[in-house]
Structure formats: C-alpha cells, structure tokens
C-alpha cells in the first residue's frame, strides 16, 4: 500500500532528526514518499533530496509558513516549490531574522522572570536550524525547569505567559502568494486545531489548492469532516504526521499519518499547471 507522509520537520527548523535521518526512517518504515516541510526555511531540502535519491525514495520539497488571519495563527504548507527561487529565498531570510530575534527576546524575558536559562544553552539546541519555541522548551526540560515540553509551552511560552513574545507573521494571502510565486502548491495545514471553527471555510477561499485532512492531531470525526469539505470545495486532501522527531519506544511517528498516491498525483498535476501558467506569462 502506497504511503506518503507530507508533513515532516527536520533539524533545519525545530525537528530532532536531520533530513538524512528522516529519509532513513521513512525507508525503514516502508514509506514511499516524504515531504520536508520545515518552518519558514528550505535549508534541509538539498540534503533530503540527495538522501532520497540514494535511498530510492521520493522526497517532495516543501515548506510550512506561519501566517495570520484575524489574529489566529494559520499554517500554510507548500509542496513541490522551486526552493531556490530568489524572491522566496529573500523572504525566508527576512523571516529567519525575525524568528531569531524573537527567540532571543523570549529567553531574555525568561531570565528576567528568574529562570535558570541562557541564550547560549538554547543556541546549542538550535544548532544550524531556525530558532523556535521548541528549542527553548527542550532546554527548559534539560535544565529541570519543567517536566515536559508541553509544560514549558503551557506555563511559559504561549500567549499571556511570562516568556511569550509576539512573532512577525505573513498574512495568509501573503503566504499563499509566496508559495505560488515559487510554482508551489498551497495547502492549509491542520485545520482541526484552528480555534475559531468557522475560519477554515473562510480561509480556504483565499486560493488554497488543498487542505490537510489527515494529521496527528485530528480525530476520526475531524478527518471525516474535512474529507467532505475537500470534496465539496474540490480541494486536494493531503495528510501527514507533522513529525518533529520525538521518539515513542525509540521510533518516530514518520509515516503514521499519511496521504494517498492520488493526493500526491494531484499535487504534481497542480504544480505542473502552475509552472505552465508561469511560463506562459513570461
């Protein structure tokens, strides 16, 4: 049975597995295709593509952009992007600088709050990746400040808590436009976790090509709800684990939540159409 995990993060953003390790685990778990969709960066794609070619597994170049809609954080997935596209690379550089600045400010707020944490300790977690809240949370766990990553977020790192700093985000329209300008296919990520339940239907009219139906946070009822919505709105129904490399019994959840071969073929068709339109327009 064909399986494609279309939502995976690596050490290039806030994942625990390198792009090569992601490919290795996908092979070990019998996955046919994986999409590297790091937050606001394409830095892991080249390594993943090279590893995929060596391993004989399809690697889809992707991204996950953090966007906003009426005060709600909305994530926009992009698939089959021209990841070396100039305007895309420039915008991602701007986003990385904003993300790094925010991360430093959050750590400084936690220090002022009296917690035993340093920027240097967090940067060891970040490595060559893009600074994110999970890096701060994992550092807090290692230093015994909290018992889990979830506690770090719930008590310190979400809106209204001592370490929170608002982040610069693209609007949903800007995110979709950026992906399409790189000939990519735009998909709304995990609609089931959007707190304003009416927003997904509103937002999908902004030009999305698809919607993430299967996701590790979605219940069976949620999957059923968005499968029907995708059919009604003629959108591509995708799926993925949103794996960040956390191990359960020594195994990451890569491939535990997947999309069908039909979904991947439809993404490819949408990508080909977008590229053809771009060429026709000069």
C-alpha atoms as a PDB file:
ATOM      1  CA  UNK A   1       0.000   0.000   0.000  1.00  0.00           C
ATOM      2  CA  UNK A   2       1.358   3.405  -1.060  1.00  0.00           C
ATOM      3  CA  UNK A   3       2.068   5.832   1.795  1.00  0.00           C
ATOM      4  CA  UNK A   4       3.208   9.446   1.647  1.00  0.00           C
ATOM      5  CA  UNK A   5       3.906  11.444   4.795  1.00  0.00           C
ATOM      6  CA  UNK A   6       3.539  15.027   3.628  1.00  0.00           C
ATOM      7  CA  UNK A   7       4.354  16.905   6.836  1.00  0.00           C
ATOM      8  CA  UNK A   8       7.770  16.370   8.425  1.00  0.00           C
ATOM      9  CA  UNK A   9      10.188  18.708  10.212  1.00  0.00           C
ATOM     10  CA  UNK A  10      13.960  18.353  10.446  1.00  0.00           C
ATOM     11  CA  UNK A  11      16.840  19.905  12.350  1.00  0.00           C
ATOM     12  CA  UNK A  12      16.749  22.720   9.792  1.00  0.00           C
ATOM     13  CA  UNK A  13      13.838  24.145  11.783  1.00  0.00           C
ATOM     14  CA  UNK A  14      12.636  22.637  15.059  1.00  0.00           C
ATOM     15  CA  UNK A  15      12.835  18.910  14.393  1.00  0.00           C
ATOM     16  CA  UNK A  16      15.146  16.438  16.119  1.00  0.00           C
ATOM     17  CA  UNK A  17      16.102  14.392  13.048  1.00  0.00           C
ATOM     18  CA  UNK A  18      18.380  15.568  10.265  1.00  0.00           C
ATOM     19  CA  UNK A  19      16.984  15.477   6.713  1.00  0.00           C
ATOM     20  CA  UNK A  20      19.035  12.324   6.029  1.00  0.00           C
ATOM     21  CA  UNK A  21      17.724  10.675   9.193  1.00  0.00           C
ATOM     22  CA  UNK A  22      14.155  11.487   8.135  1.00  0.00           C
ATOM     23  CA  UNK A  23      14.746   9.691   4.839  1.00  0.00           C
ATOM     24  CA  UNK A  24      16.402   6.767   6.623  1.00  0.00           C
ATOM     25  CA  UNK A  25      13.422   6.342   8.960  1.00  0.00           C
ATOM     26  CA  UNK A  26      10.990   6.617   6.060  1.00  0.00           C
ATOM     27  CA  UNK A  27      12.786   3.766   4.305  1.00  0.00           C
ATOM     28  CA  UNK A  28      12.832   1.673   7.470  1.00  0.00           C
ATOM     29  CA  UNK A  29       9.096   2.206   7.930  1.00  0.00           C
ATOM     30  CA  UNK A  30       8.200   1.402   4.334  1.00  0.00           C
ATOM     31  CA  UNK A  31       7.094   4.899   3.299  1.00  0.00           C
ATOM     32  CA  UNK A  32       7.038   5.653  -0.434  1.00  0.00           C
ATOM     33  CA  UNK A  33       7.337   9.444  -0.255  1.00  0.00           C
ATOM     34  CA  UNK A  34       8.040  12.149   2.309  1.00  0.00           C
ATOM     35  CA  UNK A  35       7.748  15.918   2.207  1.00  0.00           C
ATOM     36  CA  UNK A  36      10.249  18.021   4.140  1.00  0.00           C
ATOM     37  CA  UNK A  37       8.151  20.950   5.388  1.00  0.00           C
ATOM     38  CA  UNK A  38      10.324  22.882   7.803  1.00  0.00           C
ATOM     39  CA  UNK A  39       9.039  26.083   9.384  1.00  0.00           C
ATOM     40  CA  UNK A  40       9.841  29.130   7.248  1.00  0.00           C
ATOM     41  CA  UNK A  41      13.015  27.589   5.792  1.00  0.00           C
ATOM     42  CA  UNK A  42      14.169  25.439   2.883  1.00  0.00           C
ATOM     43  CA  UNK A  43      17.624  24.752   4.329  1.00  0.00           C
ATOM     44  CA  UNK A  44      17.045  21.000   4.750  1.00  0.00           C
ATOM     45  CA  UNK A  45      15.721  20.272   1.282  1.00  0.00           C
ATOM     46  CA  UNK A  46      19.005  19.741  -0.573  1.00  0.00           C
ATOM     47  CA  UNK A  47      20.245  17.157   1.934  1.00  0.00           C
ATOM     48  CA  UNK A  48      16.880  15.392   1.932  1.00  0.00           C
ATOM     49  CA  UNK A  49      16.734  15.245  -1.867  1.00  0.00           C
ATOM     50  CA  UNK A  50      20.244  13.816  -2.030  1.00  0.00           C
ATOM     51  CA  UNK A  51      19.442  11.202   0.631  1.00  0.00           C
ATOM     52  CA  UNK A  52      16.182  10.326  -1.093  1.00  0.00           C
ATOM     53  CA  UNK A  53      17.920   9.786  -4.419  1.00  0.00           C
ATOM     54  CA  UNK A  54      20.463   7.477  -2.792  1.00  0.00           C
ATOM     55  CA  UNK A  55      17.763   5.557  -0.905  1.00  0.00           C
ATOM     56  CA  UNK A  56      15.313   5.330  -3.803  1.00  0.00           C
ATOM     57  CA  UNK A  57      12.514   7.196  -2.046  1.00  0.00           C
ATOM     58  CA  UNK A  58      10.653  10.249  -3.315  1.00  0.00           C
ATOM     59  CA  UNK A  59      11.359  13.446  -1.399  1.00  0.00           C
ATOM     60  CA  UNK A  60       8.989  16.347  -2.025  1.00  0.00           C
ATOM     61  CA  UNK A  61      10.490  19.806  -1.476  1.00  0.00           C
ATOM     62  CA  UNK A  62       8.158  21.707   0.807  1.00  0.00           C
ATOM     63  CA  UNK A  63       7.755  24.324   3.494  1.00  0.00           C
ATOM     64  CA  UNK A  64       5.403  25.341   6.293  1.00  0.00           C
ATOM     65  CA  UNK A  65       4.807  29.076   6.593  1.00  0.00           C
ATOM     66  CA  UNK A  66       3.484  30.606   9.801  1.00  0.00           C
ATOM     67  CA  UNK A  67       0.770  33.067   8.806  1.00  0.00           C
ATOM     68  CA  UNK A  68      -2.013  35.009  10.451  1.00  0.00           C
ATOM     69  CA  UNK A  69      -5.712  35.562   9.803  1.00  0.00           C
ATOM     70  CA  UNK A  70      -7.748  37.874  12.038  1.00  0.00           C
ATOM     71  CA  UNK A  71      -5.419  37.260  14.964  1.00  0.00           C
ATOM     72  CA  UNK A  72      -5.399  33.464  14.520  1.00  0.00           C
ATOM     73  CA  UNK A  73      -2.171  31.670  13.612  1.00  0.00           C
ATOM     74  CA  UNK A  74      -2.654  29.696  10.412  1.00  0.00           C
ATOM     75  CA  UNK A  75      -0.010  27.465   8.879  1.00  0.00           C
ATOM     76  CA  UNK A  76       0.326  27.225   5.127  1.00  0.00           C
ATOM     77  CA  UNK A  77       2.065  24.220   3.600  1.00  0.00           C
ATOM     78  CA  UNK A  78       3.772  24.495   0.232  1.00  0.00           C
ATOM     79  CA  UNK A  79       4.611  21.480  -1.941  1.00  0.00           C
ATOM     80  CA  UNK A  80       6.871  20.983  -4.959  1.00  0.00           C
ATOM     81  CA  UNK A  81       8.218  24.502  -4.519  1.00  0.00           C
ATOM     82  CA  UNK A  82      11.109  25.904  -6.530  1.00  0.00           C
ATOM     83  CA  UNK A  83      13.087  26.051  -3.321  1.00  0.00           C
ATOM     84  CA  UNK A  84      15.918  28.103  -4.832  1.00  0.00           C
ATOM     85  CA  UNK A  85      13.501  30.751  -6.127  1.00  0.00           C
ATOM     86  CA  UNK A  86      15.033  34.207  -5.497  1.00  0.00           C
ATOM     87  CA  UNK A  87      12.010  36.041  -4.013  1.00  0.00           C
ATOM     88  CA  UNK A  88      11.215  33.030  -1.819  1.00  0.00           C
ATOM     89  CA  UNK A  89      14.783  32.810  -0.507  1.00  0.00           C
ATOM     90  CA  UNK A  90      14.857  36.546   0.263  1.00  0.00           C
ATOM     91  CA  UNK A  91      11.567  36.474   2.153  1.00  0.00           C
ATOM     92  CA  UNK A  92      12.654  33.401   4.127  1.00  0.00           C
ATOM     93  CA  UNK A  93      15.874  35.194   5.104  1.00  0.00           C
ATOM     94  CA  UNK A  94      13.751  38.041   6.468  1.00  0.00           C
ATOM     95  CA  UNK A  95      11.532  35.599   8.376  1.00  0.00           C
ATOM     96  CA  UNK A  96      14.552  33.796   9.857  1.00  0.00           C
ATOM     97  CA  UNK A  97      15.990  37.053  11.146  1.00  0.00           C
ATOM     98  CA  UNK A  98      12.643  37.901  12.742  1.00  0.00           C
ATOM     99  CA  UNK A  99      12.371  34.396  14.245  1.00  0.00           C
ATOM    100  CA  UNK A 100      15.902  34.549  15.685  1.00  0.00           C
ATOM    101  CA  UNK A 101      15.250  37.993  17.170  1.00  0.00           C
ATOM    102  CA  UNK A 102      12.044  36.775  18.755  1.00  0.00           C
ATOM    103  CA  UNK A 103      13.763  33.712  20.232  1.00  0.00           C
ATOM    104  CA  UNK A 104      16.425  35.816  21.903  1.00  0.00           C
ATOM    105  CA  UNK A 105      13.804  38.170  23.330  1.00  0.00           C
ATOM    106  CA  UNK A 106      11.829  35.228  24.757  1.00  0.00           C
ATOM    107  CA  UNK A 107      14.887  33.829  26.512  1.00  0.00           C
ATOM    108  CA  UNK A 108      15.700  37.277  27.890  1.00  0.00           C
ATOM    109  CA  UNK A 109      12.167  37.555  29.288  1.00  0.00           C
ATOM    110  CA  UNK A 110      12.507  34.170  30.982  1.00  0.00           C
ATOM    111  CA  UNK A 111      15.824  35.222  32.518  1.00  0.00           C
ATOM    112  CA  UNK A 112      14.208  38.425  33.808  1.00  0.00           C
ATOM    113  CA  UNK A 113      11.432  36.247  35.234  1.00  0.00           C
ATOM    114  CA  UNK A 114      14.086  34.452  37.278  1.00  0.00           C
ATOM    115  CA  UNK A 115      14.525  31.194  35.415  1.00  0.00           C
ATOM    116  CA  UNK A 116      17.882  29.410  35.136  1.00  0.00           C
ATOM    117  CA  UNK A 117      18.283  29.547  31.362  1.00  0.00           C
ATOM    118  CA  UNK A 118      20.746  31.168  28.972  1.00  0.00           C
ATOM    119  CA  UNK A 119      20.739  32.104  25.305  1.00  0.00           C
ATOM    120  CA  UNK A 120      23.901  30.020  24.839  1.00  0.00           C
ATOM    121  CA  UNK A 121      22.198  26.880  26.177  1.00  0.00           C
ATOM    122  CA  UNK A 122      19.261  27.329  23.807  1.00  0.00           C
ATOM    123  CA  UNK A 123      21.529  28.015  20.840  1.00  0.00           C
ATOM    124  CA  UNK A 124      23.141  24.623  21.383  1.00  0.00           C
ATOM    125  CA  UNK A 125      19.719  23.137  20.638  1.00  0.00           C
ATOM    126  CA  UNK A 126      19.173  25.394  17.646  1.00  0.00           C
ATOM    127  CA  UNK A 127      22.472  24.483  16.003  1.00  0.00           C
ATOM    128  CA  UNK A 128      22.246  25.329  12.305  1.00  0.00           C
ATOM    129  CA  UNK A 129      18.450  25.336  12.426  1.00  0.00           C
ATOM    130  CA  UNK A 130      15.930  28.126  12.719  1.00  0.00           C
ATOM    131  CA  UNK A 131      15.268  29.384  16.274  1.00  0.00           C
ATOM    132  CA  UNK A 132      11.885  28.215  17.540  1.00  0.00           C
ATOM    133  CA  UNK A 133       9.982  27.854  20.790  1.00  0.00           C
ATOM    134  CA  UNK A 134      10.594  24.063  20.894  1.00  0.00           C
ATOM    135  CA  UNK A 135      14.310  24.758  21.297  1.00  0.00           C
ATOM    136  CA  UNK A 136      13.590  26.882  24.361  1.00  0.00           C
ATOM    137  CA  UNK A 137      11.175  24.281  25.698  1.00  0.00           C
ATOM    138  CA  UNK A 138      13.683  21.421  25.319  1.00  0.00           C
ATOM    139  CA  UNK A 139      16.349  23.484  27.074  1.00  0.00           C
ATOM    140  CA  UNK A 140      13.941  24.127  29.946  1.00  0.00           C
ATOM    141  CA  UNK A 141      13.338  20.389  30.272  1.00  0.00           C
ATOM    142  CA  UNK A 142      17.065  19.620  30.241  1.00  0.00           C
ATOM    143  CA  UNK A 143      17.691  22.197  32.984  1.00  0.00           C
ATOM    144  CA  UNK A 144      14.892  20.821  35.163  1.00  0.00           C
ATOM    145  CA  UNK A 145      12.783  23.961  34.958  1.00  0.00           C
ATOM    146  CA  UNK A 146       9.789  21.965  33.703  1.00  0.00           C
ATOM    147  CA  UNK A 147       8.969  18.298  33.397  1.00  0.00           C
ATOM    148  CA  UNK A 148       7.991  18.288  29.724  1.00  0.00           C
ATOM    149  CA  UNK A 149       7.964  20.319  26.533  1.00  0.00           C
ATOM    150  CA  UNK A 150       4.196  20.629  26.925  1.00  0.00           C
ATOM    151  CA  UNK A 151       4.613  22.177  30.383  1.00  0.00           C
ATOM    152  CA  UNK A 152       7.161  24.644  29.032  1.00  0.00           C
ATOM    153  CA  UNK A 153       4.666  25.841  26.459  1.00  0.00           C
ATOM    154  CA  UNK A 154       1.640  25.837  28.740  1.00  0.00           C
ATOM    155  CA  UNK A 155       3.306  27.673  31.635  1.00  0.00           C
ATOM    156  CA  UNK A 156       5.834  29.929  29.909  1.00  0.00           C
ATOM    157  CA  UNK A 157       5.792  30.085  26.109  1.00  0.00           C
ATOM    158  CA  UNK A 158       2.238  30.688  24.901  1.00  0.00           C
ATOM    159  CA  UNK A 159       0.399  33.968  24.630  1.00  0.00           C
ATOM    160  CA  UNK A 160      -0.206  35.554  28.033  1.00  0.00           C
ATOM    161  CA  UNK A 161       2.642  33.643  29.726  1.00  0.00           C
ATOM    162  CA  UNK A 162       5.944  35.100  31.040  1.00  0.00           C
ATOM    163  CA  UNK A 163       8.172  34.206  28.100  1.00  0.00           C
ATOM    164  CA  UNK A 164       5.873  34.933  25.194  1.00  0.00           C
ATOM    165  CA  UNK A 165       6.822  37.447  22.506  1.00  0.00           C
ATOM    166  CA  UNK A 166       4.596  38.150  19.511  1.00  0.00           C
ATOM    167  CA  UNK A 167       6.059  37.000  16.221  1.00  0.00           C
ATOM    168  CA  UNK A 168       6.175  38.650  12.831  1.00  0.00           C
ATOM    169  CA  UNK A 169       3.970  36.618  10.516  1.00  0.00           C
ATOM    170  CA  UNK A 170       2.864  36.778   6.938  1.00  0.00           C
ATOM    171  CA  UNK A 171      -0.827  37.128   6.229  1.00  0.00           C
ATOM    172  CA  UNK A 172      -2.488  34.024   4.792  1.00  0.00           C
ATOM    173  CA  UNK A 173      -2.750  35.781   1.433  1.00  0.00           C
ATOM    174  CA  UNK A 174       0.968  36.612   1.503  1.00  0.00           C
ATOM    175  CA  UNK A 175       1.843  33.021   2.387  1.00  0.00           C
ATOM    176  CA  UNK A 176      -0.212  31.562  -0.432  1.00  0.00           C
ATOM    177  CA  UNK A 177       1.185  34.111  -2.884  1.00  0.00           C
ATOM    178  CA  UNK A 178       4.767  33.357  -1.837  1.00  0.00           C
ATOM    179  CA  UNK A 179       4.288  29.627  -2.384  1.00  0.00           C
ATOM    180  CA  UNK A 180       2.595  30.107  -5.739  1.00  0.00           C
ATOM    181  CA  UNK A 181       5.290  32.546  -6.881  1.00  0.00           C
ATOM    182  CA  UNK A 182       7.729  29.655  -6.400  1.00  0.00           C
ATOM    183  CA  UNK A 183       5.441  27.419  -8.519  1.00  0.00           C
ATOM    184  CA  UNK A 184       4.379  25.552  -5.390  1.00  0.00           C
ATOM    185  CA  UNK A 185       1.048  24.095  -4.349  1.00  0.00           C
ATOM    186  CA  UNK A 186      -0.570  25.752  -1.307  1.00  0.00           C
ATOM    187  CA  UNK A 187      -2.303  23.594   1.315  1.00  0.00           C
ATOM    188  CA  UNK A 188      -3.916  24.648   4.588  1.00  0.00           C
ATOM    189  CA  UNK A 189      -2.249  22.811   7.482  1.00  0.00           C
ATOM    190  CA  UNK A 190      -4.094  21.008  10.296  1.00  0.00           C
ATOM    191  CA  UNK A 191      -7.424  22.924  10.148  1.00  0.00           C
ATOM    192  CA  UNK A 192      -8.692  20.896  13.092  1.00  0.00           C
ATOM    193  CA  UNK A 193      -6.510  22.822  15.546  1.00  0.00           C
ATOM    194  CA  UNK A 194      -7.689  26.260  14.435  1.00  0.00           C
ATOM    195  CA  UNK A 195      -9.539  27.592  17.471  1.00  0.00           C
ATOM    196  CA  UNK A 196     -12.089  29.625  15.506  1.00  0.00           C
ATOM    197  CA  UNK A 197     -14.040  26.776  13.939  1.00  0.00           C
ATOM    198  CA  UNK A 198     -15.542  28.874  11.173  1.00  0.00           C
ATOM    199  CA  UNK A 199     -12.195  30.149   9.941  1.00  0.00           C
ATOM    200  CA  UNK A 200     -11.061  27.178   7.815  1.00  0.00           C
ATOM    201  CA  UNK A 201     -14.007  27.508   5.438  1.00  0.00           C
ATOM    202  CA  UNK A 202     -13.424  31.266   5.173  1.00  0.00           C
ATOM    203  CA  UNK A 203      -9.688  30.957   4.672  1.00  0.00           C
ATOM    204  CA  UNK A 204      -9.851  28.200   2.078  1.00  0.00           C
ATOM    205  CA  UNK A 205     -11.443  30.667  -0.331  1.00  0.00           C
ATOM    206  CA  UNK A 206      -8.223  32.700  -0.443  1.00  0.00           C
ATOM    207  CA  UNK A 207      -6.732  30.462  -3.128  1.00  0.00           C
ATOM    208  CA  UNK A 208      -5.631  27.269  -1.430  1.00  0.00           C
ATOM    209  CA  UNK A 209      -5.112  24.227  -3.647  1.00  0.00           C
ATOM    210  CA  UNK A 210      -5.660  21.744  -0.853  1.00  0.00           C
ATOM    211  CA  UNK A 211      -6.320  21.042   2.799  1.00  0.00           C
ATOM    212  CA  UNK A 212      -4.533  18.741   5.247  1.00  0.00           C
ATOM    213  CA  UNK A 213      -7.219  16.228   6.146  1.00  0.00           C
ATOM    214  CA  UNK A 214      -5.155  13.559   7.906  1.00  0.00           C
ATOM    215  CA  UNK A 215      -2.990  14.852  10.753  1.00  0.00           C
ATOM    216  CA  UNK A 216      -1.680  13.512  14.049  1.00  0.00           C
ATOM    217  CA  UNK A 217      -3.949  15.910  15.982  1.00  0.00           C
ATOM    218  CA  UNK A 218      -7.124  15.100  14.011  1.00  0.00           C
ATOM    219  CA  UNK A 219      -9.747  12.737  15.368  1.00  0.00           C
ATOM    220  CA  UNK A 220     -11.654  10.379  13.059  1.00  0.00           C
ATOM    221  CA  UNK A 221     -14.592  12.794  13.108  1.00  0.00           C
ATOM    222  CA  UNK A 222     -12.305  15.680  12.148  1.00  0.00           C
ATOM    223  CA  UNK A 223     -10.823  13.669   9.282  1.00  0.00           C
ATOM    224  CA  UNK A 224     -14.318  12.834   8.069  1.00  0.00           C
ATOM    225  CA  UNK A 225     -15.402  16.487   8.334  1.00  0.00           C
ATOM    226  CA  UNK A 226     -12.513  17.797   6.261  1.00  0.00           C
ATOM    227  CA  UNK A 227     -12.642  14.975   3.740  1.00  0.00           C
ATOM    228  CA  UNK A 228     -16.174  16.064   2.962  1.00  0.00           C
ATOM    229  CA  UNK A 229     -15.166  19.728   2.838  1.00  0.00           C
ATOM    230  CA  UNK A 230     -12.267  18.956   0.475  1.00  0.00           C
ATOM    231  CA  UNK A 231     -14.636  17.083  -1.820  1.00  0.00           C
ATOM    232  CA  UNK A 232     -17.212  19.862  -1.714  1.00  0.00           C
ATOM    233  CA  UNK A 233     -14.653  22.587  -2.442  1.00  0.00           C
ATOM    234  CA  UNK A 234     -12.721  20.464  -4.968  1.00  0.00           C
ATOM    235  CA  UNK A 235      -9.516  20.693  -2.948  1.00  0.00           C
ATOM    236  CA  UNK A 236      -6.647  18.215  -2.736  1.00  0.00           C
ATOM    237  CA  UNK A 237      -6.949  16.214   0.505  1.00  0.00           C
ATOM    238  CA  UNK A 238      -3.453  15.703   1.929  1.00  0.00           C
ATOM    239  CA  UNK A 239      -2.110  14.125   5.090  1.00  0.00           C
ATOM    240  CA  UNK A 240       0.964  13.875   7.259  1.00  0.00           C
ATOM    241  CA  UNK A 241       2.284  13.179  10.724  1.00  0.00           C
ATOM    242  CA  UNK A 242       3.748  16.633  11.486  1.00  0.00           C
ATOM    243  CA  UNK A 243       6.656  14.641  12.887  1.00  0.00           C
ATOM    244  CA  UNK A 244       9.277  16.642  14.789  1.00  0.00           C
ATOM    245  CA  UNK A 245      11.386  13.588  15.557  1.00  0.00           C
ATOM    246  CA  UNK A 246      10.078  12.833  19.036  1.00  0.00           C
ATOM    247  CA  UNK A 247      10.541   9.131  19.737  1.00  0.00           C
ATOM    248  CA  UNK A 248       7.999   6.738  21.202  1.00  0.00           C
ATOM    249  CA  UNK A 249       9.619   3.435  22.037  1.00  0.00           C
ATOM    250  CA  UNK A 250      12.645   4.586  20.060  1.00  0.00           C
ATOM    251  CA  UNK A 251      10.634   5.161  16.879  1.00  0.00           C
ATOM    252  CA  UNK A 252       9.458   8.493  15.395  1.00  0.00           C
ATOM    253  CA  UNK A 253       5.923   8.798  14.066  1.00  0.00           C
ATOM    254  CA  UNK A 254       7.062   9.332  10.479  1.00  0.00           C
ATOM    255  CA  UNK A 255       4.546   7.557   8.279  1.00  0.00           C
ATOM    256  CA  UNK A 256       1.937   7.006  10.984  1.00  0.00           C
ATOM    257  CA  UNK A 257      -0.353   9.547   9.282  1.00  0.00           C
ATOM    258  CA  UNK A 258      -0.251   9.605   5.510  1.00  0.00           C
ATOM    259  CA  UNK A 259      -1.755  10.699   2.222  1.00  0.00           C
ATOM    260  CA  UNK A 260      -2.675   8.524  -0.749  1.00  0.00           C
ATOM    261  CA  UNK A 261      -0.931   8.230  -4.095  1.00  0.00           C
ATOM    262  CA  UNK A 262      -3.922  10.051  -5.584  1.00  0.00           C
ATOM    263  CA  UNK A 263      -3.190  13.063  -3.378  1.00  0.00           C
ATOM    264  CA  UNK A 264       0.455  13.127  -4.454  1.00  0.00           C
ATOM    265  CA  UNK A 265      -0.510  12.820  -8.126  1.00  0.00           C
ATOM    266  CA  UNK A 266      -2.962  15.702  -7.772  1.00  0.00           C
ATOM    267  CA  UNK A 267      -0.263  17.828  -6.128  1.00  0.00           C
ATOM    268  CA  UNK A 268       2.037  17.075  -9.053  1.00  0.00           C
ATOM    269  CA  UNK A 269      -0.682  17.980 -11.552  1.00  0.00           C
ATOM    270  CA  UNK A 270      -1.369  21.261  -9.763  1.00  0.00           C
ATOM    271  CA  UNK A 271       2.358  22.018  -9.716  1.00  0.00           C
ATOM    272  CA  UNK A 272       2.729  21.288 -13.433  1.00  0.00           C
ATOM    273  CA  UNK A 273      -0.225  23.525 -14.218  1.00  0.00           C
ATOM    274  CA  UNK A 274       1.233  26.346 -12.124  1.00  0.00           C
ATOM    275  CA  UNK A 275       4.611  26.072 -13.863  1.00  0.00           C
ATOM    276  CA  UNK A 276       2.944  26.044 -17.284  1.00  0.00           C
ATOM    277  CA  UNK A 277       0.974  29.185 -16.413  1.00  0.00           C
ATOM    278  CA  UNK A 278       4.135  30.891 -15.140  1.00  0.00           C
ATOM    279  CA  UNK A 279       5.978  30.080 -18.374  1.00  0.00           C
ATOM    280  CA  UNK A 280       3.066  31.319 -20.471  1.00  0.00           C
ATOM    281  CA  UNK A 281       3.098  34.617 -18.579  1.00  0.00           C
ATOM    282  CA  UNK A 282       6.738  35.169 -19.341  1.00  0.00           C
END
